[in-house]
Amino acid sequence: MQVTTAPPLHGPVAALTRASIKFNKAHAFWRHARPSQTALDGVVGCQLAVGLGEAPFFRQATFSIWESVSDMNAYARTGSHLEAIQAAQKHGYFSESMFARFVPLKVQGQWLGKHYA
């Protein structure tokens, strides 16, 4: 079941992705990970991006906070990340996947030396 709502028009947006990588597709998937991660360095509008592994190598998730939906889409739908998405769809890397957006109410704490108030 897919549930959608209108994206936020103003302010930040958080994104959560989750995928179970098929064992026989893991090597191909991981070839795309480094270029996609490197592309995040200094990208406009990305406040925070964290990769999370529930089960190393085969169950992965990402959490990111963006200044706007357009900033998030500019990263996600271009360059190495777009190539990764296209490869995943073409070659069936995942047995399950999810992409969810949220409107953050508050961001507070510290991550990798950056302070969030």
Foldseek 3Di string as FASTA:
>chain_A
DDDDDDFDPAFKKKKKKKFFFDPVCLVVLVVLVVVLVVLPVPQPFWPDKDKDDPPPSGIIMMMTMGGGPVSVCVSCCDDSNVVSVVCCVVVVGGPDMDMDMDHDPADADDDPHDGGD
